[in-house]
Amino acid sequence: MILIVEATYENGVLRPAQPLPLKEREKVRLSVRRVPSTADQSYGMIGWSGDADTFDRLLQESENDRMEHL
């Protein structure tokens, strides 16, 4: 069985975004691929000349500001 799930790496542990259909202590084999950020996906498309980390930070700040005004 192959499962593809999103997870967050936090304090040395991968935390799946949803419960997995696995038995307690069942052994699995992982293949980890980073999810590309919005900046990585759109870099160069909008004329941004800065780095991807700064773009991600500005995008996150913009999203936070938008959510505060809802």
PDB file of N, CA and C in Angstrom:
ATOM      1  N   MET A   1       0.851  -1.178   0.000  1.00  0.00           N
ATOM      2  CA  MET A   1       0.000   0.000   0.000  1.00  0.00           C
ATOM      3  C   MET A   1       0.893   1.235   0.000  1.00  0.00           C
ATOM      4  N   ILE A   2       0.574   2.188  -0.854  1.00  0.00           N
ATOM      5  CA  ILE A   2       1.298   3.457  -0.911  1.00  0.00           C
ATOM      6  C   ILE A   2       0.342   4.565  -0.488  1.00  0.00           C
ATOM      7  N   LEU A   3       0.792   5.373   0.460  1.00  0.00           N
ATOM      8  CA  LEU A   3       0.027   6.531   0.922  1.00  0.00           C
ATOM      9  C   LEU A   3       0.834   7.784   0.623  1.00  0.00           C
ATOM     10  N   ILE A   4       0.180   8.813   0.174  1.00  0.00           N
ATOM     11  CA  ILE A   4       0.831  10.108   0.004  1.00  0.00           C
ATOM     12  C   ILE A   4       0.110  11.069   0.929  1.00  0.00           C
ATOM     13  N   VAL A   5       0.831  11.585   1.920  1.00  0.00           N
ATOM     14  CA  VAL A   5       0.232  12.492   2.901  1.00  0.00           C
ATOM     15  C   VAL A   5       1.140  13.696   3.097  1.00  0.00           C
ATOM     16  N   GLU A   6       0.555  14.796   3.494  1.00  0.00           N
ATOM     17  CA  GLU A   6       1.337  15.959   3.871  1.00  0.00           C
ATOM     18  C   GLU A   6       1.599  15.883   5.364  1.00  0.00           C
ATOM     19  N   ALA A   7       2.777  16.327   5.755  1.00  0.00           N
ATOM     20  CA  ALA A   7       3.159  16.317   7.167  1.00  0.00           C
ATOM     21  C   ALA A   7       3.988  17.555   7.447  1.00  0.00           C
ATOM     22  N   THR A   8       4.094  17.881   8.721  1.00  0.00           N
ATOM     23  CA  THR A   8       4.903  18.992   9.171  1.00  0.00           C
ATOM     24  C   THR A   8       6.028  18.451  10.034  1.00  0.00           C
ATOM     25  N   TYR A   9       7.251  18.907   9.759  1.00  0.00           N
ATOM     26  CA  TYR A   9       8.394  18.508  10.572  1.00  0.00           C
ATOM     27  C   TYR A   9       8.504  19.489  11.727  1.00  0.00           C
ATOM     28  N   GLU A  10       8.473  18.968  12.954  1.00  0.00           N
ATOM     29  CA  GLU A  10       8.420  19.824  14.138  1.00  0.00           C
ATOM     30  C   GLU A  10       9.115  19.131  15.296  1.00  0.00           C
ATOM     31  N   ASN A  11      10.102  19.774  15.857  1.00  0.00           N
ATOM     32  CA  ASN A  11      10.841  19.223  17.006  1.00  0.00           C
ATOM     33  C   ASN A  11      11.354  17.808  16.743  1.00  0.00           C
ATOM     34  N   GLY A  12      11.866  17.588  15.533  1.00  0.00           N
ATOM     35  CA  GLY A  12      12.453  16.305  15.199  1.00  0.00           C
ATOM     36  C   GLY A  12      11.469  15.211  14.846  1.00  0.00           C
ATOM     37  N   VAL A  13      10.183  15.560  14.698  1.00  0.00           N
ATOM     38  CA  VAL A  13       9.146  14.556  14.432  1.00  0.00           C
ATOM     39  C   VAL A  13       8.310  15.001  13.231  1.00  0.00           C
ATOM     40  N   LEU A  14       7.994  14.067  12.342  1.00  0.00           N
ATOM     41  CA  LEU A  14       7.063  14.341  11.255  1.00  0.00           C
ATOM     42  C   LEU A  14       5.648  14.120  11.761  1.00  0.00           C
ATOM     43  N   ARG A  15       4.797  15.141  11.634  1.00  0.00           N
ATOM     44  CA  ARG A  15       3.411  15.053  12.094  1.00  0.00           C
ATOM     45  C   ARG A  15       2.488  15.098  10.878  1.00  0.00           C
ATOM     46  N   PRO A  16       1.832  13.964  10.572  1.00  0.00           N
ATOM     47  CA  PRO A  16       0.919  13.931   9.420  1.00  0.00           C
ATOM     48  C   PRO A  16      -0.244  14.901   9.602  1.00  0.00           C
ATOM     49  N   ALA A  17      -0.723  15.441   8.491  1.00  0.00           N
ATOM     50  CA  ALA A  17      -1.839  16.383   8.521  1.00  0.00           C
ATOM     51  C   ALA A  17      -3.158  15.685   8.847  1.00  0.00           C
ATOM     52  N   GLN A  18      -3.231  14.376   8.639  1.00  0.00           N
ATOM     53  CA  GLN A  18      -4.445  13.621   8.963  1.00  0.00           C
ATOM     54  C   GLN A  18      -4.036  12.261   9.525  1.00  0.00           C
ATOM     55  N   PRO A  19      -4.940  11.586  10.232  1.00  0.00           N
ATOM     56  CA  PRO A  19      -4.622  10.260  10.780  1.00  0.00           C
ATOM     57  C   PRO A  19      -4.278   9.277   9.654  1.00  0.00           C
ATOM     58  N   LEU A  20      -3.397   8.347   9.960  1.00  0.00           N
ATOM     59  CA  LEU A  20      -2.984   7.342   8.983  1.00  0.00           C
ATOM     60  C   LEU A  20      -3.594   5.985   9.322  1.00  0.00           C
ATOM     61  N   PRO A  21      -3.950   5.201   8.303  1.00  0.00           N
ATOM     62  CA  PRO A  21      -4.545   3.887   8.549  1.00  0.00           C
ATOM     63  C   PRO A  21      -3.470   2.836   8.833  1.00  0.00           C
ATOM     64  N   LEU A  22      -2.739   3.025   9.915  1.00  0.00           N
ATOM     65  CA  LEU A  22      -1.638   2.128  10.271  1.00  0.00           C
ATOM     66  C   LEU A  22      -1.867   1.562  11.666  1.00  0.00           C
ATOM     67  N   LYS A  23      -1.304   0.384  11.890  1.00  0.00           N
ATOM     68  CA  LYS A  23      -1.353  -0.215  13.225  1.00  0.00           C
ATOM     69  C   LYS A  23      -0.282   0.435  14.098  1.00  0.00           C
ATOM     70  N   GLU A  24      -0.534   0.465  15.398  1.00  0.00           N
ATOM     71  CA  GLU A  24       0.440   0.996  16.347  1.00  0.00           C
ATOM     72  C   GLU A  24       1.765   0.241  16.193  1.00  0.00           C
ATOM     73  N   ARG A  25       2.855   0.980  16.098  1.00  0.00           N
ATOM     74  CA  ARG A  25       4.227   0.463  15.959  1.00  0.00           C
ATOM     75  C   ARG A  25       4.485  -0.270  14.641  1.00  0.00           C
ATOM     76  N   GLU A  26       3.605  -0.090  13.658  1.00  0.00           N
ATOM     77  CA  GLU A  26       3.815  -0.698  12.346  1.00  0.00           C
ATOM     78  C   GLU A  26       5.002  -0.018  11.666  1.00  0.00           C
ATOM     79  N   LYS A  27       5.886  -0.784  11.083  1.00  0.00           N
ATOM     80  CA  LYS A  27       7.061  -0.255  10.387  1.00  0.00           C
ATOM     81  C   LYS A  27       6.640   0.229   9.009  1.00  0.00           C
ATOM     82  N   VAL A  28       7.190   1.368   8.600  1.00  0.00           N
ATOM     83  CA  VAL A  28       6.921   1.932   7.285  1.00  0.00           C
ATOM     84  C   VAL A  28       8.242   2.414   6.675  1.00  0.00           C
ATOM     85  N   ARG A  29       8.230   2.648   5.396  1.00  0.00           N
ATOM     86  CA  ARG A  29       9.387   3.233   4.709  1.00  0.00           C
ATOM     87  C   ARG A  29       8.942   4.586   4.181  1.00  0.00           C
ATOM     88  N   LEU A  30       9.713   5.634   4.470  1.00  0.00           N
ATOM     89  CA  LEU A  30       9.341   6.991   4.080  1.00  0.00           C
ATOM     90  C   LEU A  30      10.198   7.488   2.925  1.00  0.00           C
ATOM     91  N   SER A  31       9.580   8.253   2.078  1.00  0.00           N
ATOM     92  CA  SER A  31      10.269   9.022   1.059  1.00  0.00           C
ATOM     93  C   SER A  31       9.798  10.455   1.273  1.00  0.00           C
ATOM     94  N   VAL A  32      10.697  11.364   1.572  1.00  0.00           N
ATOM     95  CA  VAL A  32      10.311  12.729   1.932  1.00  0.00           C
ATOM     96  C   VAL A  32      10.658  13.681   0.792  1.00  0.00           C
ATOM     97  N   ARG A  33       9.684  14.497   0.418  1.00  0.00           N
ATOM     98  CA  ARG A  33       9.874  15.514  -0.606  1.00  0.00           C
ATOM     99  C   ARG A  33       9.323  16.817  -0.055  1.00  0.00           C
ATOM    100  N   ARG A  34      10.108  17.863  -0.101  1.00  0.00           N
ATOM    101  CA  ARG A  34       9.649  19.156   0.390  1.00  0.00           C
ATOM    102  C   ARG A  34       8.543  19.693  -0.507  1.00  0.00           C
ATOM    103  N   VAL A  35       7.548  20.309   0.111  1.00  0.00           N
ATOM    104  CA  VAL A  35       6.486  20.969  -0.627  1.00  0.00           C
ATOM    105  C   VAL A  35       7.032  22.339  -1.032  1.00  0.00           C
ATOM    106  N   PRO A  36       7.039  22.643  -2.318  1.00  0.00           N
ATOM    107  CA  PRO A  36       7.588  23.939  -2.735  1.00  0.00           C
ATOM    108  C   PRO A  36       6.740  25.091  -2.217  1.00  0.00           C
ATOM    109  N   SER A  37       7.402  26.136  -1.795  1.00  0.00           N
ATOM    110  CA  SER A  37       6.687  27.317  -1.300  1.00  0.00           C
ATOM    111  C   SER A  37       6.061  28.066  -2.470  1.00  0.00           C
ATOM    112  N   THR A  38       5.195  28.982  -2.150  1.00  0.00           N
ATOM    113  CA  THR A  38       4.585  29.827  -3.179  1.00  0.00           C
ATOM    114  C   THR A  38       5.661  30.589  -3.927  1.00  0.00           C
ATOM    115  N   ALA A  39       6.670  31.060  -3.186  1.00  0.00           N
ATOM    116  CA  ALA A  39       7.765  31.796  -3.822  1.00  0.00           C
ATOM    117  C   ALA A  39       8.514  30.908  -4.800  1.00  0.00           C
ATOM    118  N   ASP A  40       8.803  29.664  -4.408  1.00  0.00           N
ATOM    119  CA  ASP A  40       9.509  28.753  -5.299  1.00  0.00           C
ATOM    120  C   ASP A  40       8.686  28.462  -6.550  1.00  0.00           C
ATOM    121  N   GLN A  41       7.377  28.357  -6.392  1.00  0.00           N
ATOM    122  CA  GLN A  41       6.508  28.037  -7.522  1.00  0.00           C
ATOM    123  C   GLN A  41       6.350  29.210  -8.480  1.00  0.00           C
ATOM    124  N   SER A  42       6.417  30.440  -7.966  1.00  0.00           N
ATOM    125  CA  SER A  42       6.144  31.602  -8.807  1.00  0.00           C
ATOM    126  C   SER A  42       7.368  32.483  -9.041  1.00  0.00           C
ATOM    127  N   TYR A  43       8.522  32.065  -8.540  1.00  0.00           N
ATOM    128  CA  TYR A  43       9.741  32.870  -8.663  1.00  0.00           C
ATOM    129  C   TYR A  43      10.000  33.203 -10.135  1.00  0.00           C
ATOM    130  N   GLY A  44      10.189  34.466 -10.427  1.00  0.00           N
ATOM    131  CA  GLY A  44      10.474  34.902 -11.781  1.00  0.00           C
ATOM    132  C   GLY A  44       9.242  35.276 -12.592  1.00  0.00           C
ATOM    133  N   MET A  45       8.078  34.877 -12.133  1.00  0.00           N
ATOM    134  CA  MET A  45       6.854  35.144 -12.891  1.00  0.00           C
ATOM    135  C   MET A  45       6.324  36.559 -12.653  1.00  0.00           C
ATOM    136  N   ILE A  46       6.677  37.172 -11.525  1.00  0.00           N
ATOM    137  CA  ILE A  46       6.104  38.477 -11.204  1.00  0.00           C
ATOM    138  C   ILE A  46       7.151  39.587 -11.170  1.00  0.00           C
ATOM    139  N   GLY A  47       8.330  39.299 -11.667  1.00  0.00           N
ATOM    140  CA  GLY A  47       9.364  40.316 -11.700  1.00  0.00           C
ATOM    141  C   GLY A  47      10.046  40.558 -10.366  1.00  0.00           C
ATOM    142  N   TRP A  48       9.892  39.642  -9.422  1.00  0.00           N
ATOM    143  CA  TRP A  48      10.527  39.761  -8.104  1.00  0.00           C
ATOM    144  C   TRP A  48      12.023  39.534  -8.259  1.00  0.00           C
ATOM    145  N   SER A  49      12.822  40.450  -7.748  1.00  0.00           N
ATOM    146  CA  SER A  49      14.280  40.299  -7.865  1.00  0.00           C
ATOM    147  C   SER A  49      14.925  39.915  -6.541  1.00  0.00           C
ATOM    148  N   GLY A  50      14.111  39.785  -5.484  1.00  0.00           N
ATOM    149  CA  GLY A  50      14.643  39.385  -4.180  1.00  0.00           C
ATOM    150  C   GLY A  50      14.713  37.875  -4.055  1.00  0.00           C
ATOM    151  N   ASP A  51      15.055  37.407  -2.861  1.00  0.00           N
ATOM    152  CA  ASP A  51      15.176  35.968  -2.638  1.00  0.00           C
ATOM    153  C   ASP A  51      13.829  35.363  -2.243  1.00  0.00           C
ATOM    154  N   ALA A  52      13.720  34.044  -2.362  1.00  0.00           N
ATOM    155  CA  ALA A  52      12.465  33.336  -2.100  1.00  0.00           C
ATOM    156  C   ALA A  52      12.035  33.451  -0.643  1.00  0.00           C
ATOM    157  N   ASP A  53      12.973  33.434   0.301  1.00  0.00           N
ATOM    158  CA  ASP A  53      12.610  33.522   1.721  1.00  0.00           C
ATOM    159  C   ASP A  53      11.941  34.856   2.041  1.00  0.00           C
ATOM    160  N   THR A  54      12.464  35.941   1.500  1.00  0.00           N
ATOM    161  CA  THR A  54      11.859  37.258   1.728  1.00  0.00           C
ATOM    162  C   THR A  54      10.474  37.318   1.107  1.00  0.00           C
ATOM    163  N   PHE A  55      10.325  36.774  -0.093  1.00  0.00           N
ATOM    164  CA  PHE A  55       9.018  36.734  -0.749  1.00  0.00           C
ATOM    165  C   PHE A  55       8.017  35.960   0.098  1.00  0.00           C
ATOM    166  N   ASP A  56       8.426  34.795   0.617  1.00  0.00           N
ATOM    167  CA  ASP A  56       7.538  34.003   1.477  1.00  0.00           C
ATOM    168  C   ASP A  56       7.130  34.780   2.719  1.00  0.00           C
ATOM    169  N   ARG A  57       8.088  35.482   3.328  1.00  0.00           N
ATOM    170  CA  ARG A  57       7.788  36.258   4.536  1.00  0.00           C
ATOM    171  C   ARG A  57       6.787  37.372   4.227  1.00  0.00           C
ATOM    172  N   LEU A  58       7.008  38.097   3.139  1.00  0.00           N
ATOM    173  CA  LEU A  58       6.092  39.173   2.758  1.00  0.00           C
ATOM    174  C   LEU A  58       4.710  38.631   2.424  1.00  0.00           C
ATOM    175  N   LEU A  59       4.665  37.498   1.755  1.00  0.00           N
ATOM    176  CA  LEU A  59       3.389  36.876   1.431  1.00  0.00           C
ATOM    177  C   LEU A  59       2.651  36.469   2.698  1.00  0.00           C
ATOM    178  N   GLN A  60       3.364  35.893   3.654  1.00  0.00           N
ATOM    179  CA  GLN A  60       2.750  35.482   4.918  1.00  0.00           C
ATOM    180  C   GLN A  60       2.227  36.689   5.687  1.00  0.00           C
ATOM    181  N   GLU A  61       3.009  37.770   5.718  1.00  0.00           N
ATOM    182  CA  GLU A  61       2.564  38.990   6.394  1.00  0.00           C
ATOM    183  C   GLU A  61       1.299  39.536   5.729  1.00  0.00           C
ATOM    184  N   SER A  62       1.249  39.491   4.412  1.00  0.00           N
ATOM    185  CA  SER A  62       0.078  39.966   3.686  1.00  0.00           C
ATOM    186  C   SER A  62      -1.150  39.110   4.021  1.00  0.00           C
ATOM    187  N   GLU A  63      -0.972  37.793   4.067  1.00  0.00           N
ATOM    188  CA  GLU A  63      -2.067  36.893   4.430  1.00  0.00           C
ATOM    189  C   GLU A  63      -2.542  37.163   5.857  1.00  0.00           C
ATOM    190  N   ASN A  64      -1.608  37.360   6.782  1.00  0.00           N
ATOM    191  CA  ASN A  64      -1.964  37.638   8.178  1.00  0.00           C
ATOM    192  C   ASN A  64      -2.762  38.934   8.284  1.00  0.00           C
ATOM    193  N   ASP A  65      -2.324  39.984   7.557  1.00  0.00           N
ATOM    194  CA  ASP A  65      -3.044  41.254   7.559  1.00  0.00           C
ATOM    195  C   ASP A  65      -4.453  41.078   7.010  1.00  0.00           C
ATOM    196  N   ARG A  66      -4.585  40.298   5.935  1.00  0.00           N
ATOM    197  CA  ARG A  66      -5.898  40.061   5.332  1.00  0.00           C
ATOM    198  C   ARG A  66      -6.826  39.334   6.299  1.00  0.00           C
ATOM    199  N   MET A  67      -6.305  38.351   7.012  1.00  0.00           N
ATOM    200  CA  MET A  67      -7.116  37.570   7.959  1.00  0.00           C
ATOM    201  C   MET A  67      -7.562  38.427   9.142  1.00  0.00           C
ATOM    202  N   GLU A  68      -6.731  39.400   9.561  1.00  0.00           N
ATOM    203  CA  GLU A  68      -7.098  40.259  10.686  1.00  0.00           C
ATOM    204  C   GLU A  68      -8.260  41.171  10.327  1.00  0.00           C
ATOM    205  N   HIS A  69      -8.424  41.457   9.043  1.00  0.00           N
ATOM    206  CA  HIS A  69      -9.480  42.382   8.614  1.00  0.00           C
ATOM    207  C   HIS A  69     -10.768  41.676   8.213  1.00  0.00           C
ATOM    208  N   LEU A  70     -10.827  40.378   8.375  1.00  0.00           N
ATOM    209  CA  LEU A  70     -12.065  39.643   8.036  1.00  0.00           C
ATOM    210  C   LEU A  70     -13.037  39.640   9.186  1.00  0.00           C
TER     211      LEU A  70
END
